Amino acid sequence: MSKFSDKVKSLFSRRKPVTPEDAADISDWVNEGGALHPEGPPKVIGDPQDKPKAP
């Protein structure tokens, strides 16, 4: 790899320190499935799981 790509890779792979409050917010967000809404992500239209099974 070139020096430039190595520098970019190292820049994005560094861990960033966060405050305990930010860590709690991130944890809540992840535990909710990463959804912006507490009820979870919106349903996908045309999801095969939503259709009733034929008898």
PDB file of N, CA and C in Angstrom:
ATOM      1  N   MET A   1       0.833  -1.185   0.000  1.00  0.00           N
ATOM      2  CA  MET A   1       0.000   0.000   0.000  1.00  0.00           C
ATOM      3  C   MET A   1       0.874   1.244   0.000  1.00  0.00           C
ATOM      4  N   SER A   2       0.292   2.304  -0.478  1.00  0.00           N
ATOM      5  CA  SER A   2       1.033   3.555  -0.502  1.00  0.00           C
ATOM      6  C   SER A   2       1.015   4.195   0.882  1.00  0.00           C
ATOM      7  N   LYS A   3       1.886   5.161   1.079  1.00  0.00           N
ATOM      8  CA  LYS A   3       1.942   5.861   2.363  1.00  0.00           C
ATOM      9  C   LYS A   3       0.629   6.579   2.640  1.00  0.00           C
ATOM     10  N   PHE A   4       0.035   7.142   1.604  1.00  0.00           N
ATOM     11  CA  PHE A   4      -1.225   7.865   1.778  1.00  0.00           C
ATOM     12  C   PHE A   4      -2.324   6.942   2.290  1.00  0.00           C
ATOM     13  N   SER A   5      -2.486   5.793   1.658  1.00  0.00           N
ATOM     14  CA  SER A   5      -3.546   4.871   2.084  1.00  0.00           C
ATOM     15  C   SER A   5      -3.265   4.323   3.482  1.00  0.00           C
ATOM     16  N   ASP A   6      -1.993   4.138   3.839  1.00  0.00           N
ATOM     17  CA  ASP A   6      -1.655   3.704   5.195  1.00  0.00           C
ATOM     18  C   ASP A   6      -2.050   4.759   6.218  1.00  0.00           C
ATOM     19  N   LYS A   7      -1.806   6.036   5.897  1.00  0.00           N
ATOM     20  CA  LYS A   7      -2.164   7.113   6.821  1.00  0.00           C
ATOM     21  C   LYS A   7      -3.676   7.226   6.966  1.00  0.00           C
ATOM     22  N   VAL A   8      -4.396   7.109   5.864  1.00  0.00           N
ATOM     23  CA  VAL A   8      -5.856   7.189   5.921  1.00  0.00           C
ATOM     24  C   VAL A   8      -6.403   6.013   6.725  1.00  0.00           C
ATOM     25  N   LYS A   9      -5.869   4.838   6.487  1.00  0.00           N
ATOM     26  CA  LYS A   9      -6.315   3.648   7.216  1.00  0.00           C
ATOM     27  C   LYS A   9      -6.069   3.815   8.713  1.00  0.00           C
ATOM     28  N   SER A  10      -4.905   4.302   9.096  1.00  0.00           N
ATOM     29  CA  SER A  10      -4.611   4.465  10.517  1.00  0.00           C
ATOM     30  C   SER A  10      -5.462   5.563  11.140  1.00  0.00           C
ATOM     31  N   LEU A  11      -5.801   6.573  10.357  1.00  0.00           N
ATOM     32  CA  LEU A  11      -6.634   7.661  10.869  1.00  0.00           C
ATOM     33  C   LEU A  11      -8.025   7.154  11.224  1.00  0.00           C
ATOM     34  N   PHE A  12      -8.600   6.321  10.361  1.00  0.00           N
ATOM     35  CA  PHE A  12      -9.951   5.828  10.597  1.00  0.00           C
ATOM     36  C   PHE A  12      -9.995   4.633  11.543  1.00  0.00           C
ATOM     37  N   SER A  13      -8.891   3.966  11.763  1.00  0.00           N
ATOM     38  CA  SER A  13      -8.904   2.803  12.645  1.00  0.00           C
ATOM     39  C   SER A  13      -8.583   3.158  14.090  1.00  0.00           C
ATOM     40  N   ARG A  14      -8.232   4.398  14.361  1.00  0.00           N
ATOM     41  CA  ARG A  14      -7.935   4.810  15.734  1.00  0.00           C
ATOM     42  C   ARG A  14      -9.202   4.845  16.563  1.00  0.00           C
ATOM     43  N   ARG A  15      -9.081   4.419  17.789  1.00  0.00           N
ATOM     44  CA  ARG A  15     -10.222   4.470  18.699  1.00  0.00           C
ATOM     45  C   ARG A  15     -10.335   5.887  19.239  1.00  0.00           C
ATOM     46  N   LYS A  16     -11.531   6.384  19.274  1.00  0.00           N
ATOM     47  CA  LYS A  16     -11.779   7.730  19.763  1.00  0.00           C
ATOM     48  C   LYS A  16     -12.310   7.645  21.189  1.00  0.00           C
ATOM     49  N   PRO A  17     -11.756   8.423  22.123  1.00  0.00           N
ATOM     50  CA  PRO A  17     -12.288   8.397  23.487  1.00  0.00           C
ATOM     51  C   PRO A  17     -13.657   9.064  23.539  1.00  0.00           C
ATOM     52  N   VAL A  18     -14.535   8.526  24.359  1.00  0.00           N
ATOM     53  CA  VAL A  18     -15.867   9.095  24.530  1.00  0.00           C
ATOM     54  C   VAL A  18     -16.136   9.276  26.014  1.00  0.00           C
ATOM     55  N   THR A  19     -17.019  10.192  26.321  1.00  0.00           N
ATOM     56  CA  THR A  19     -17.403  10.420  27.710  1.00  0.00           C
ATOM     57  C   THR A  19     -18.328   9.290  28.159  1.00  0.00           C
ATOM     58  N   PRO A  20     -18.465   9.094  29.463  1.00  0.00           N
ATOM     59  CA  PRO A  20     -19.395   8.056  29.937  1.00  0.00           C
ATOM     60  C   PRO A  20     -20.829   8.295  29.466  1.00  0.00           C
ATOM     61  N   GLU A  21     -21.228   9.556  29.355  1.00  0.00           N
ATOM     62  CA  GLU A  21     -22.574   9.869  28.879  1.00  0.00           C
ATOM     63  C   GLU A  21     -22.739   9.446  27.421  1.00  0.00           C
ATOM     64  N   ASP A  22     -21.726   9.744  26.606  1.00  0.00           N
ATOM     65  CA  ASP A  22     -21.774   9.338  25.202  1.00  0.00           C
ATOM     66  C   ASP A  22     -21.771   7.817  25.078  1.00  0.00           C
ATOM     67  N   ALA A  23     -20.997   7.151  25.928  1.00  0.00           N
ATOM     68  CA  ALA A  23     -20.950   5.692  25.891  1.00  0.00           C
ATOM     69  C   ALA A  23     -22.317   5.104  26.235  1.00  0.00           C
ATOM     70  N   ALA A  24     -23.010   5.708  27.193  1.00  0.00           N
ATOM     71  CA  ALA A  24     -24.348   5.232  27.554  1.00  0.00           C
ATOM     72  C   ALA A  24     -25.321   5.445  26.400  1.00  0.00           C
ATOM     73  N   ASP A  25     -25.224   6.594  25.728  1.00  0.00           N
ATOM     74  CA  ASP A  25     -26.090   6.857  24.573  1.00  0.00           C
ATOM     75  C   ASP A  25     -25.830   5.855  23.453  1.00  0.00           C
ATOM     76  N   ILE A  26     -24.567   5.571  23.192  1.00  0.00           N
ATOM     77  CA  ILE A  26     -24.210   4.616  22.146  1.00  0.00           C
ATOM     78  C   ILE A  26     -24.731   3.226  22.513  1.00  0.00           C
ATOM     79  N   SER A  27     -24.579   2.848  23.776  1.00  0.00           N
ATOM     80  CA  SER A  27     -25.060   1.547  24.228  1.00  0.00           C
ATOM     81  C   SER A  27     -26.570   1.430  24.070  1.00  0.00           C
ATOM     82  N   ASP A  28     -27.294   2.478  24.444  1.00  0.00           N
ATOM     83  CA  ASP A  28     -28.752   2.471  24.277  1.00  0.00           C
ATOM     84  C   ASP A  28     -29.123   2.325  22.812  1.00  0.00           C
ATOM     85  N   TRP A  29     -28.426   3.044  21.955  1.00  0.00           N
ATOM     86  CA  TRP A  29     -28.726   3.017  20.529  1.00  0.00           C
ATOM     87  C   TRP A  29     -28.487   1.619  19.961  1.00  0.00           C
ATOM     88  N   VAL A  30     -27.380   1.005  20.349  1.00  0.00           N
ATOM     89  CA  VAL A  30     -27.057  -0.330  19.845  1.00  0.00           C
ATOM     90  C   VAL A  30     -28.039  -1.364  20.390  1.00  0.00           C
ATOM     91  N   ASN A  31     -28.402  -1.247  21.662  1.00  0.00           N
ATOM     92  CA  ASN A  31     -29.331  -2.209  22.267  1.00  0.00           C
ATOM     93  C   ASN A  31     -30.722  -2.109  21.668  1.00  0.00           C
ATOM     94  N   GLU A  32     -31.044  -0.980  21.075  1.00  0.00           N
ATOM     95  CA  GLU A  32     -32.333  -0.819  20.413  1.00  0.00           C
ATOM     96  C   GLU A  32     -32.267  -1.261  18.956  1.00  0.00           C
ATOM     97  N   GLY A  33     -31.215  -1.913  18.577  1.00  0.00           N
ATOM     98  CA  GLY A  33     -31.072  -2.390  17.210  1.00  0.00           C
ATOM     99  C   GLY A  33     -30.529  -1.329  16.275  1.00  0.00           C
ATOM    100  N   GLY A  34     -29.964  -0.277  16.840  1.00  0.00           N
ATOM    101  CA  GLY A  34     -29.405   0.783  16.014  1.00  0.00           C
ATOM    102  C   GLY A  34     -30.466   1.641  15.372  1.00  0.00           C
ATOM    103  N   ALA A  35     -31.699   1.531  15.855  1.00  0.00           N
ATOM    104  CA  ALA A  35     -32.798   2.279  15.259  1.00  0.00           C
ATOM    105  C   ALA A  35     -32.884   3.674  15.858  1.00  0.00           C
ATOM    106  N   LEU A  36     -33.336   4.616  15.066  1.00  0.00           N
ATOM    107  CA  LEU A  36     -33.520   5.968  15.556  1.00  0.00           C
ATOM    108  C   LEU A  36     -34.777   6.084  16.399  1.00  0.00           C
ATOM    109  N   HIS A  37     -35.682   5.153  16.250  1.00  0.00           N
ATOM    110  CA  HIS A  37     -36.947   5.183  16.973  1.00  0.00           C
ATOM    111  C   HIS A  37     -36.969   4.023  17.971  1.00  0.00           C
ATOM    112  N   PRO A  38     -37.493   4.234  19.192  1.00  0.00           N
ATOM    113  CA  PRO A  38     -37.483   3.157  20.189  1.00  0.00           C
ATOM    114  C   PRO A  38     -38.231   1.893  19.765  1.00  0.00           C
ATOM    115  N   GLU A  39     -39.176   2.007  18.855  1.00  0.00           N
ATOM    116  CA  GLU A  39     -39.914   0.829  18.405  1.00  0.00           C
ATOM    117  C   GLU A  39     -39.146   0.013  17.372  1.00  0.00           C
ATOM    118  N   GLY A  40     -37.987   0.490  17.001  1.00  0.00           N
ATOM    119  CA  GLY A  40     -37.175  -0.243  16.046  1.00  0.00           C
ATOM    120  C   GLY A  40     -37.284   0.330  14.649  1.00  0.00           C
ATOM    121  N   PRO A  41     -36.586  -0.297  13.716  1.00  0.00           N
ATOM    122  CA  PRO A  41     -36.610   0.204  12.344  1.00  0.00           C
ATOM    123  C   PRO A  41     -37.976  -0.023  11.705  1.00  0.00           C
ATOM    124  N   PRO A  42     -38.315   0.774  10.714  1.00  0.00           N
ATOM    125  CA  PRO A  42     -39.599   0.575  10.045  1.00  0.00           C
ATOM    126  C   PRO A  42     -39.612  -0.749   9.288  1.00  0.00           C
ATOM    127  N   LYS A  43     -40.809  -1.296   9.113  1.00  0.00           N
ATOM    128  CA  LYS A  43     -40.928  -2.557   8.382  1.00  0.00           C
ATOM    129  C   LYS A  43     -40.624  -2.334   6.910  1.00  0.00           C
ATOM    130  N   VAL A  44     -40.084  -3.352   6.303  1.00  0.00           N
ATOM    131  CA  VAL A  44     -39.788  -3.305   4.881  1.00  0.00           C
ATOM    132  C   VAL A  44     -41.049  -3.709   4.131  1.00  0.00           C
ATOM    133  N   ILE A  45     -41.436  -2.904   3.159  1.00  0.00           N
ATOM    134  CA  ILE A  45     -42.623  -3.214   2.371  1.00  0.00           C
ATOM    135  C   ILE A  45     -42.321  -4.431   1.508  1.00  0.00           C
ATOM    136  N   GLY A  46     -43.232  -5.371   1.518  1.00  0.00           N
ATOM    137  CA  GLY A  46     -43.045  -6.573   0.714  1.00  0.00           C
ATOM    138  C   GLY A  46     -42.211  -7.625   1.408  1.00  0.00           C
ATOM    139  N   ASP A  47     -42.087  -7.537   2.730  1.00  0.00           N
ATOM    140  CA  ASP A  47     -41.324  -8.519   3.482  1.00  0.00           C
ATOM    141  C   ASP A  47     -42.071  -9.852   3.468  1.00  0.00           C
ATOM    142  N   PRO A  48     -41.453 -10.950   3.040  1.00  0.00           N
ATOM    143  CA  PRO A  48     -42.160 -12.231   2.953  1.00  0.00           C
ATOM    144  C   PRO A  48     -42.627 -12.746   4.311  1.00  0.00           C
ATOM    145  N   GLN A  49     -42.048 -12.294   5.396  1.00  0.00           N
ATOM    146  CA  GLN A  49     -42.467 -12.745   6.719  1.00  0.00           C
ATOM    147  C   GLN A  49     -43.813 -12.151   7.110  1.00  0.00           C
ATOM    148  N   ASP A  50     -44.227 -11.058   6.492  1.00  0.00           N
ATOM    149  CA  ASP A  50     -45.491 -10.413   6.818  1.00  0.00           C
ATOM    150  C   ASP A  50     -46.681 -11.123   6.186  1.00  0.00           C
ATOM    151  N   LYS A  51     -46.455 -11.923   5.152  1.00  0.00           N
ATOM    152  CA  LYS A  51     -47.550 -12.587   4.446  1.00  0.00           C
ATOM    153  C   LYS A  51     -47.985 -13.833   5.209  1.00  0.00           C
ATOM    154  N   PRO A  52     -49.287 -14.061   5.328  1.00  0.00           N
ATOM    155  CA  PRO A  52     -49.738 -15.300   5.982  1.00  0.00           C
ATOM    156  C   PRO A  52     -49.404 -16.508   5.113  1.00  0.00           C
ATOM    157  N   LYS A  53     -49.096 -17.598   5.772  1.00  0.00           N
ATOM    158  CA  LYS A  53     -48.759 -18.819   5.038  1.00  0.00           C
ATOM    159  C   LYS A  53     -50.027 -19.491   4.538  1.00  0.00           C
ATOM    160  N   ALA A  54     -49.953 -20.069   3.368  1.00  0.00           N
ATOM    161  CA  ALA A  54     -51.103 -20.768   2.779  1.00  0.00           C
ATOM    162  C   ALA A  54     -51.324 -22.082   3.521  1.00  0.00           C
ATOM    163  N   PRO A  55     -52.600 -22.445   3.763  1.00  0.00           N
ATOM    164  CA  PRO A  55     -52.870 -23.710   4.481  1.00  0.00           C
ATOM    165  C   PRO A  55     -52.595 -24.929   3.644  1.00  0.00           C
TER     166      PRO A  55
END
